């Protein structure tokens, strides 16, 4: 085998690894999305502070929580509103 082919094989091996990482990352995002949806659904409505505390206890990164909330809002599964009594945002199942 020539050096060029070896180098080519070496370089393309990284592309496969990159795809694997992207697929793995997407699986994590889908898992977090499902976990967050389940938590909000079980309670009907959740104050933002409770949701962030839940995510912290579960080891969910803030960026993953935000992505999950955004995706669930975009899909029409949840909506957010301001609760005047609590004086904070709440997430509500539609």
C-alpha atoms as a PDB file:
ATOM      1  CA  UNK A   1       0.000   0.000   0.000  1.00  0.00           C
ATOM      2  CA  UNK A   2       1.336   3.451  -0.857  1.00  0.00           C
ATOM      3  CA  UNK A   3       1.786   6.275   1.615  1.00  0.00           C
ATOM      4  CA  UNK A   4      -0.937   8.269  -0.157  1.00  0.00           C
ATOM      5  CA  UNK A   5      -3.507   5.512   0.280  1.00  0.00           C
ATOM      6  CA  UNK A   6      -2.534   5.102   3.891  1.00  0.00           C
ATOM      7  CA  UNK A   7      -2.910   8.825   4.470  1.00  0.00           C
ATOM      8  CA  UNK A   8      -6.242   8.812   2.629  1.00  0.00           C
ATOM      9  CA  UNK A   9      -7.492   5.930   4.751  1.00  0.00           C
ATOM     10  CA  UNK A  10      -6.292   7.721   7.842  1.00  0.00           C
ATOM     11  CA  UNK A  11      -8.065  10.953   6.924  1.00  0.00           C
ATOM     12  CA  UNK A  12     -11.351   9.297   5.969  1.00  0.00           C
ATOM     13  CA  UNK A  13     -11.389   7.383   9.233  1.00  0.00           C
ATOM     14  CA  UNK A  14     -11.986  10.704  11.001  1.00  0.00           C
ATOM     15  CA  UNK A  15     -15.060  11.445   8.907  1.00  0.00           C
ATOM     16  CA  UNK A  16     -16.702   8.234  10.054  1.00  0.00           C
ATOM     17  CA  UNK A  17     -15.929   9.073  13.651  1.00  0.00           C
ATOM     18  CA  UNK A  18     -17.402  12.531  13.171  1.00  0.00           C
ATOM     19  CA  UNK A  19     -20.643  11.055  11.858  1.00  0.00           C
ATOM     20  CA  UNK A  20     -20.754   8.652  14.785  1.00  0.00           C
ATOM     21  CA  UNK A  21     -20.365  11.553  17.211  1.00  0.00           C
ATOM     22  CA  UNK A  22     -23.140  13.511  15.483  1.00  0.00           C
ATOM     23  CA  UNK A  23     -25.465  10.511  15.614  1.00  0.00           C
ATOM     24  CA  UNK A  24     -24.623   9.954  19.269  1.00  0.00           C
ATOM     25  CA  UNK A  25     -25.236  13.648  20.030  1.00  0.00           C
ATOM     26  CA  UNK A  26     -28.621  13.502  18.291  1.00  0.00           C
ATOM     27  CA  UNK A  27     -29.554  10.441  20.369  1.00  0.00           C
ATOM     28  CA  UNK A  28     -28.698  12.373  23.532  1.00  0.00           C
ATOM     29  CA  UNK A  29     -30.822  15.317  22.366  1.00  0.00           C
ATOM     30  CA  UNK A  30     -33.792  13.061  21.588  1.00  0.00           C
ATOM     31  CA  UNK A  31     -33.405  11.347  24.969  1.00  0.00           C
ATOM     32  CA  UNK A  32     -33.335  14.673  26.792  1.00  0.00           C
ATOM     33  CA  UNK A  33     -36.310  15.919  24.780  1.00  0.00           C
ATOM     34  CA  UNK A  34     -38.338  12.850  25.756  1.00  0.00           C
ATOM     35  CA  UNK A  35     -37.284  13.117  29.408  1.00  0.00           C
ATOM     36  CA  UNK A  36     -38.235  16.817  29.585  1.00  0.00           C
ATOM     37  CA  UNK A  37     -41.546  16.196  27.790  1.00  0.00           C
ATOM     38  CA  UNK A  38     -42.359  13.396  30.218  1.00  0.00           C
ATOM     39  CA  UNK A  39     -41.539  15.574  33.240  1.00  0.00           C
ATOM     40  CA  UNK A  40     -43.692  18.478  32.062  1.00  0.00           C
ATOM     41  CA  UNK A  41     -46.538  16.157  31.019  1.00  0.00           C
ATOM     42  CA  UNK A  42     -46.548  14.418  34.403  1.00  0.00           C
ATOM     43  CA  UNK A  43     -47.056  17.754  36.165  1.00  0.00           C
ATOM     44  CA  UNK A  44     -49.153  19.576  33.554  1.00  0.00           C
ATOM     45  CA  UNK A  45     -47.311  22.837  34.132  1.00  0.00           C
ATOM     46  CA  UNK A  46     -43.825  23.436  35.472  1.00  0.00           C
ATOM     47  CA  UNK A  47     -42.158  26.650  36.648  1.00  0.00           C
ATOM     48  CA  UNK A  48     -38.849  27.349  34.943  1.00  0.00           C
ATOM     49  CA  UNK A  49     -36.988  27.158  38.261  1.00  0.00           C
ATOM     50  CA  UNK A  50     -38.383  23.655  38.961  1.00  0.00           C
ATOM     51  CA  UNK A  51     -37.473  22.531  35.463  1.00  0.00           C
ATOM     52  CA  UNK A  52     -33.905  23.801  35.805  1.00  0.00           C
ATOM     53  CA  UNK A  53     -33.580  22.128  39.231  1.00  0.00           C
ATOM     54  CA  UNK A  54     -34.871  18.858  37.733  1.00  0.00           C
ATOM     55  CA  UNK A  55     -32.400  19.088  34.858  1.00  0.00           C
ATOM     56  CA  UNK A  56     -29.540  19.740  37.256  1.00  0.00           C
ATOM     57  CA  UNK A  57     -30.470  16.718  39.391  1.00  0.00           C
ATOM     58  CA  UNK A  58     -30.641  14.538  36.269  1.00  0.00           C
ATOM     59  CA  UNK A  59     -27.305  15.796  34.949  1.00  0.00           C
ATOM     60  CA  UNK A  60     -28.858  17.437  31.883  1.00  0.00           C
ATOM     61  CA  UNK A  61     -26.651  20.163  30.462  1.00  0.00           C
ATOM     62  CA  UNK A  62     -28.320  23.602  30.191  1.00  0.00           C
ATOM     63  CA  UNK A  63     -27.718  23.695  26.426  1.00  0.00           C
ATOM     64  CA  UNK A  64     -29.445  20.317  26.008  1.00  0.00           C
ATOM     65  CA  UNK A  65     -32.358  21.467  28.159  1.00  0.00           C
ATOM     66  CA  UNK A  66     -32.741  24.638  26.087  1.00  0.00           C
ATOM     67  CA  UNK A  67     -32.649  22.663  22.817  1.00  0.00           C
ATOM     68  CA  UNK A  68     -35.251  20.229  24.136  1.00  0.00           C
ATOM     69  CA  UNK A  69     -37.563  23.039  25.260  1.00  0.00           C
ATOM     70  CA  UNK A  70     -37.185  24.857  21.939  1.00  0.00           C
ATOM     71  CA  UNK A  71     -37.892  21.692  19.958  1.00  0.00           C
ATOM     72  CA  UNK A  72     -40.941  20.842  22.069  1.00  0.00           C
ATOM     73  CA  UNK A  73     -42.267  24.390  21.609  1.00  0.00           C
ATOM     74  CA  UNK A  74     -41.649  24.261  17.853  1.00  0.00           C
ATOM     75  CA  UNK A  75     -43.488  20.920  17.631  1.00  0.00           C
ATOM     76  CA  UNK A  76     -46.434  22.389  19.539  1.00  0.00           C
ATOM     77  CA  UNK A  77     -46.116  19.949  22.434  1.00  0.00           C
ATOM     78  CA  UNK A  78     -45.604  22.637  25.077  1.00  0.00           C
ATOM     79  CA  UNK A  79     -45.960  26.374  25.383  1.00  0.00           C
ATOM     80  CA  UNK A  80     -44.505  28.872  27.790  1.00  0.00           C
ATOM     81  CA  UNK A  81     -46.355  31.574  29.666  1.00  0.00           C
ATOM     82  CA  UNK A  82     -45.711  34.003  32.483  1.00  0.00           C
ATOM     83  CA  UNK A  83     -47.293  33.124  35.823  1.00  0.00           C
ATOM     84  CA  UNK A  84     -48.089  36.347  37.682  1.00  0.00           C
ATOM     85  CA  UNK A  85     -48.395  34.643  41.067  1.00  0.00           C
ATOM     86  CA  UNK A  86     -45.059  32.860  40.778  1.00  0.00           C
ATOM     87  CA  UNK A  87     -43.538  35.785  38.889  1.00  0.00           C
ATOM     88  CA  UNK A  88     -41.705  33.467  36.515  1.00  0.00           C
ATOM     89  CA  UNK A  89     -42.053  31.567  33.273  1.00  0.00           C
ATOM     90  CA  UNK A  90     -43.905  28.289  33.307  1.00  0.00           C
ATOM     91  CA  UNK A  91     -44.019  25.521  30.721  1.00  0.00           C
ATOM     92  CA  UNK A  92     -47.441  24.053  29.994  1.00  0.00           C
ATOM     93  CA  UNK A  93     -48.499  20.945  28.092  1.00  0.00           C
ATOM     94  CA  UNK A  94     -50.732  21.885  25.153  1.00  0.00           C
END
